Protein backbone atom coordinates (compact mmCIF):
# COMPACT_ATOMS: atom_id res chain seq x y z
CA UNK A 1 67.26 154.56 107.37
CA UNK A 2 70.65 152.94 107.88
CA UNK A 3 72.96 152.57 104.79
CA UNK A 4 73.37 149.30 103.07
CA UNK A 5 76.65 147.66 103.99
CA UNK A 6 79.15 146.95 101.17
CA UNK A 7 80.29 143.37 101.96
CA UNK A 8 83.96 143.32 100.95
CA UNK A 9 84.35 139.71 102.14
CA UNK A 10 81.67 138.39 99.80
CA UNK A 11 82.74 140.47 96.84
CA UNK A 12 86.39 139.46 97.31
CA UNK A 13 85.28 135.79 97.39
CA UNK A 14 83.42 136.25 94.20
CA UNK A 15 86.41 137.82 92.51
CA UNK A 16 88.53 134.89 93.61
CA UNK A 17 86.05 132.45 92.24
CA UNK A 18 86.05 134.22 88.86
CA UNK A 19 89.83 134.30 88.84
CA UNK A 20 90.13 130.60 89.54
CA UNK A 21 88.01 129.89 86.44
CA UNK A 22 89.96 132.35 84.34
CA UNK A 23 93.34 130.85 85.44
CA UNK A 24 92.01 127.40 84.61
CA UNK A 25 90.97 128.61 81.16
CA UNK A 26 94.38 130.31 80.69
CA UNK A 27 96.29 127.15 81.50
CA UNK A 28 93.86 124.92 79.43
CA UNK A 29 94.73 127.07 76.47
CA UNK A 30 98.31 126.03 76.75
CA UNK A 31 99.85 128.85 78.76
CA UNK A 32 101.93 128.21 81.94
CA UNK A 33 100.20 129.12 85.18
CA UNK A 34 100.74 132.64 86.34
CA UNK A 35 103.48 132.94 89.00
CA UNK A 36 103.56 135.27 91.99
CA UNK A 37 106.89 135.87 93.76
CA UNK A 38 106.75 137.44 97.25
CA UNK A 39 109.87 138.80 98.93
CA UNK A 40 109.83 139.24 102.69
CA UNK A 41 112.89 140.70 104.46
CA UNK A 42 113.01 140.28 108.25
CA UNK A 43 110.91 138.66 110.91
CA UNK A 44 108.00 141.01 111.38
CA UNK A 45 105.15 138.76 112.45
CA UNK A 46 102.30 140.81 110.88
CA UNK A 47 104.15 140.90 107.48
CA UNK A 48 104.83 137.19 107.68
CA UNK A 49 101.11 136.44 108.21
CA UNK A 50 100.15 138.74 105.36
CA UNK A 51 102.69 137.22 102.90
CA UNK A 52 101.52 133.74 103.89
CA UNK A 53 97.94 134.81 103.19
CA UNK A 54 98.90 136.01 99.72
CA UNK A 55 100.64 132.76 98.95
CA UNK A 56 97.69 130.68 100.23
CA UNK A 57 95.25 132.71 98.16
CA UNK A 58 97.43 132.33 95.05
CA UNK A 59 97.40 128.58 95.43
CA UNK A 60 93.62 128.56 95.78
CA UNK A 61 93.09 130.14 92.34
CA UNK A 62 95.79 128.17 90.53
CA UNK A 63 98.63 130.72 90.66
CA UNK A 64 102.10 129.32 91.29
CA UNK A 65 103.75 130.78 94.33
CA UNK A 66 107.46 131.62 94.82
CA UNK A 67 107.94 132.54 98.45
CA UNK A 68 111.31 134.21 99.20
CA UNK A 69 112.15 135.09 102.84
CA UNK A 70 115.35 136.78 103.76
CA UNK A 71 116.81 137.34 107.23
CA UNK A 72 116.44 140.51 109.23
CA UNK A 73 120.09 141.35 108.58
CA UNK A 74 119.95 140.87 104.87
CA UNK A 75 121.86 143.61 102.94
CA UNK A 76 120.23 145.90 100.42
CA UNK A 77 122.45 144.45 97.63
CA UNK A 78 121.24 140.94 98.43
CA UNK A 79 117.60 141.97 98.07
CA UNK A 80 118.40 143.91 94.88
CA UNK A 81 120.13 140.84 93.38
CA UNK A 82 117.07 138.67 94.14
CA UNK A 83 114.63 141.15 92.52
CA UNK A 84 116.83 141.34 89.39
CA UNK A 85 116.72 137.49 89.27
CA UNK A 86 112.91 137.51 89.57
CA UNK A 87 112.62 140.18 86.82
CA UNK A 88 114.42 137.73 84.44
CA UNK A 89 112.58 134.55 85.62
CA UNK A 90 109.96 133.69 82.95
CA UNK A 91 108.08 131.61 85.46
CA UNK A 92 107.31 134.69 87.52
CA UNK A 93 104.47 136.88 86.27
CA UNK A 94 104.36 139.21 89.25
CA UNK A 95 106.70 140.37 92.03
CA UNK A 96 105.73 141.76 95.37
CA UNK A 97 108.24 143.21 97.84
CA UNK A 98 106.57 143.27 101.25
CA UNK A 99 106.83 146.63 103.01
CA UNK A 100 108.08 147.87 105.39
CA UNK A 101 111.63 146.56 105.08
CA UNK A 102 114.38 146.68 107.81
CA UNK A 103 116.25 150.00 108.00
CA UNK A 104 119.33 148.91 106.10
CA UNK A 105 117.10 147.94 103.13
CA UNK A 106 115.70 150.82 101.07
CA UNK A 107 112.25 149.40 100.26
CA UNK A 108 111.14 152.37 98.13
CA UNK A 109 114.27 152.20 95.95
CA UNK A 110 113.95 148.47 95.58
CA UNK A 111 110.32 148.67 94.58
CA UNK A 112 111.39 150.89 91.71
CA UNK A 113 113.65 148.10 90.44
CA UNK A 114 110.67 145.74 89.83
CA UNK A 115 109.97 145.42 86.11
CA UNK A 116 106.81 147.38 85.40
CA UNK A 117 105.21 144.42 83.63
CA UNK A 118 105.65 142.42 86.86
CA UNK A 119 104.65 145.27 89.23
CA UNK A 120 101.50 143.62 90.74
CA UNK A 121 101.45 146.21 93.51
CA UNK A 122 101.23 148.93 90.86
CA UNK A 123 103.71 151.16 92.74
CA UNK A 124 106.60 151.70 90.35
CA UNK A 125 106.97 155.12 88.66
CA UNK A 126 106.11 153.53 85.30
CA UNK A 127 102.89 152.07 86.69
CA UNK A 128 102.02 155.38 88.21
CA UNK A 129 102.65 157.12 84.90
CA UNK A 130 100.47 154.69 83.04
CA UNK A 131 97.68 155.21 85.52
CA UNK A 132 97.82 159.00 85.24
CA UNK A 133 97.99 158.82 81.48
CA UNK A 134 95.01 156.52 81.31
CA UNK A 135 97.01 153.87 79.55
CA UNK A 136 96.71 150.06 80.22
CA UNK A 137 98.80 148.80 83.17
CA UNK A 138 98.76 147.30 86.60
CA UNK A 139 96.85 149.33 89.13
CA UNK A 140 97.53 149.56 92.92
CA UNK A 141 95.57 146.83 94.67
CA UNK A 142 93.66 148.62 97.46
CA UNK A 143 92.50 151.51 95.17
CA UNK A 144 91.46 149.00 92.54
CA UNK A 145 89.56 147.09 95.18
CA UNK A 146 87.70 150.19 96.24
CA UNK A 147 86.72 150.80 92.58
CA UNK A 148 85.59 147.21 92.21
CA UNK A 149 83.26 147.65 95.26
CA UNK A 150 81.74 150.63 93.59
CA UNK A 151 81.35 148.75 90.33
CA UNK A 152 79.64 145.78 91.91
CA UNK A 153 77.14 148.08 93.52
CA UNK A 154 76.45 149.97 90.21
CA UNK A 155 77.48 153.26 91.77
CA UNK A 156 77.21 155.90 88.98
CA UNK A 157 80.48 157.71 88.91
CA UNK A 158 80.19 159.76 85.68
CA UNK A 159 79.50 163.34 86.67
CA UNK A 160 79.47 162.48 90.35
CA UNK A 161 81.36 164.66 92.87
CA UNK A 162 83.97 162.44 94.54
CA UNK A 163 86.02 163.53 97.53
CA UNK A 164 89.11 161.63 98.58
CA UNK A 165 90.48 162.35 102.06
CA UNK A 166 94.18 161.41 101.87
CA UNK A 167 96.91 161.86 99.33
CA UNK A 168 99.25 158.91 99.91
CA UNK A 169 101.03 157.16 96.99
CA UNK A 170 99.53 153.93 98.14
CA UNK A 171 95.78 154.92 98.14
CA UNK A 172 94.83 158.57 97.99
CA UNK A 173 96.55 159.60 94.77
CA UNK A 174 95.77 156.42 92.73
CA UNK A 175 92.15 156.21 93.84
CA UNK A 176 91.77 159.83 92.77
CA UNK A 177 93.19 159.01 89.42
CA UNK A 178 90.88 155.98 89.05
CA UNK A 179 87.82 158.03 89.91
CA UNK A 180 88.88 160.72 87.47
CA UNK A 181 89.25 158.06 84.72
CA UNK A 182 85.67 156.99 85.55
CA UNK A 183 84.60 160.65 84.79
CA UNK A 184 83.92 161.68 88.37
CA UNK A 185 84.72 165.19 89.41
CA UNK A 186 87.44 164.64 92.00
CA UNK A 187 88.63 166.66 95.00
CA UNK A 188 91.64 165.45 96.95
CA UNK A 189 91.85 166.63 100.55
CA UNK A 190 94.72 166.56 103.05
CA UNK A 191 95.92 168.03 106.28
CA UNK A 192 95.97 171.56 104.92
CA UNK A 193 92.56 171.50 103.34
CA UNK A 194 90.41 174.43 104.55
CA UNK A 195 86.95 173.55 105.73
CA UNK A 196 87.47 169.80 105.38
CA UNK A 197 83.94 169.18 106.76
CA UNK A 198 82.37 171.43 104.16
CA UNK A 199 84.24 169.75 101.29
CA UNK A 200 83.23 166.34 102.44
CA UNK A 201 79.57 167.36 102.70
CA UNK A 202 79.56 167.99 98.89
CA UNK A 203 80.57 164.35 98.13
CA UNK A 204 78.38 161.96 96.25
CA UNK A 205 81.19 159.44 96.81
CA UNK A 206 83.41 160.00 99.83
CA UNK A 207 86.66 157.92 100.09
CA UNK A 208 88.43 158.16 103.47
CA UNK A 209 92.13 157.15 103.34
CA UNK A 210 93.95 159.40 105.80
CA UNK A 211 94.92 156.82 108.41
CA UNK A 212 93.40 158.78 111.21
CA UNK A 213 90.76 157.10 113.40
CA UNK A 214 87.30 158.42 112.77
CA UNK A 215 88.61 161.62 111.22
CA UNK A 216 85.50 161.93 109.09
CA UNK A 217 82.59 162.72 111.38
CA UNK A 218 79.08 161.39 110.67
CA UNK A 219 77.62 164.83 110.02
CA UNK A 220 80.21 165.42 107.29
CA UNK A 221 78.51 162.81 105.16
CA UNK A 222 75.96 164.02 102.62
CA UNK A 223 72.58 162.40 102.76
CA UNK A 224 72.48 159.46 100.38
CA UNK A 225 76.25 159.45 99.76
CA UNK A 226 78.35 156.37 99.11
CA UNK A 227 81.14 155.97 101.71
CA UNK A 228 84.35 153.98 101.13
CA UNK A 229 86.39 153.75 104.31
CA UNK A 230 89.91 152.54 103.50
CA UNK A 231 91.34 153.22 107.01
CA UNK A 232 92.02 150.50 109.50
CA UNK A 233 93.23 151.77 112.89
CA UNK A 234 93.88 149.83 116.08
CA UNK A 235 92.48 151.70 119.15
CA UNK A 236 91.57 150.73 122.68
CA UNK A 237 88.02 150.18 121.47
CA UNK A 238 89.23 147.78 118.75
CA UNK A 239 89.63 148.28 115.01
CA UNK A 240 88.03 151.43 113.57
CA UNK A 241 88.16 153.09 110.18
CA UNK A 242 88.78 156.72 109.18
CA UNK A 243 84.96 157.36 109.32
CA UNK A 244 82.75 157.61 112.39
CA UNK A 245 80.83 154.55 111.25
CA UNK A 246 77.51 154.53 113.12
CA UNK A 247 76.77 158.22 112.55
CA UNK A 248 77.85 158.07 108.95
CA UNK A 249 75.78 154.96 108.31
CA UNK A 250 72.66 156.90 109.35
CA UNK A 251 73.16 159.35 106.54
CA UNK A 252 74.81 157.39 103.74
CA UNK A 253 73.23 155.13 101.12
CA UNK A 254 76.08 152.68 100.95
CA UNK A 255 79.06 152.31 103.34
CA UNK A 256 81.94 149.94 103.87
CA UNK A 257 82.48 148.45 107.36
CA UNK A 258 85.83 148.14 109.04
CA UNK A 259 86.91 145.42 109.07
CA UNK A 260 85.25 143.56 106.17
CA UNK A 261 84.98 146.27 103.61
CA UNK A 262 87.91 147.37 101.43
CA UNK A 263 90.49 145.19 103.26
CA UNK A 264 89.49 141.80 101.81
CA UNK A 265 89.66 143.29 98.32
CA UNK A 266 93.38 143.98 98.35
CA UNK A 267 94.56 140.35 97.97
CA UNK A 268 91.77 139.63 95.52
CA UNK A 269 93.00 142.45 93.27
CA UNK A 270 96.62 141.32 93.71
CA UNK A 271 95.64 137.92 92.26
CA UNK A 272 93.75 139.65 89.42
CA UNK A 273 96.91 141.71 88.73
CA UNK A 274 99.08 138.63 88.61
CA UNK A 275 96.88 137.04 85.91
CA UNK A 276 96.76 140.37 84.06
CA UNK A 277 100.57 140.56 84.22
CA UNK A 278 100.77 137.07 82.68
CA UNK A 279 98.51 138.13 79.85
CA UNK A 280 100.44 141.38 79.21
CA UNK A 281 103.75 139.43 79.16
CA UNK A 282 102.35 136.83 76.81
CA UNK A 283 101.11 139.55 74.43
CA UNK A 284 104.38 141.32 74.49
CA UNK A 285 106.33 138.12 73.76
CA UNK A 286 103.99 137.40 70.81
CA UNK A 287 104.93 140.69 69.17
CA UNK A 288 108.69 140.22 69.49
């Protein structure tokens, strides 16, 4: 029997609806609307579309947008100065530097300059440390989105064996930490893992985030497992994930499609982080 599809589009829309009501309640209580500042350096068409989508989604839930676009030849120091200004701007709850940046701009170094309380991408060293320590903070959007999909489907994580294929700072490492925080037993796999197929076959929850088209074969999936496919790869046959979808669906209990699974959750969780950042900053200000 084919696995039930996890509809990321529908869940993301539900999250956005909930956020719109929460933002309305927040402002009705006398707070300023949360503000999201996006910074795009260069003229990459895909990045421009993605940033535009983030700003549009922000407006739909009542978040104020601050859209900063710098030219392709902008210097590193210019971007750094802008980020420092945004760190000090009380109207801005969250800051997102769109990656990748042009070669003369060190995107990784600049990301580390973002104030942790405004790090809505959850990628600064401080945010990473808070995640690993299990302390409150802003979590990376795509891993948080994957966890929200599991939560909305009542997937029991406590005591479950979870396998994460991929160890990137963006997805693999943080989703492993989030699963561990949910009391799953977590194995992280990578290019040097011995018997990758055998490790995957043990998983009650299998998260594929390696960026390799259909790396995880269908017969690597345990009968009745939950499969979260984070990959999105362009091939001659169209968009495919990191999992051999049709064969995996025949064995799994729940599975995310590509596209339409984890992808739509990323912006939804970015919006949630922006509201959470506003709340954290308000609480910090109240204690000063």
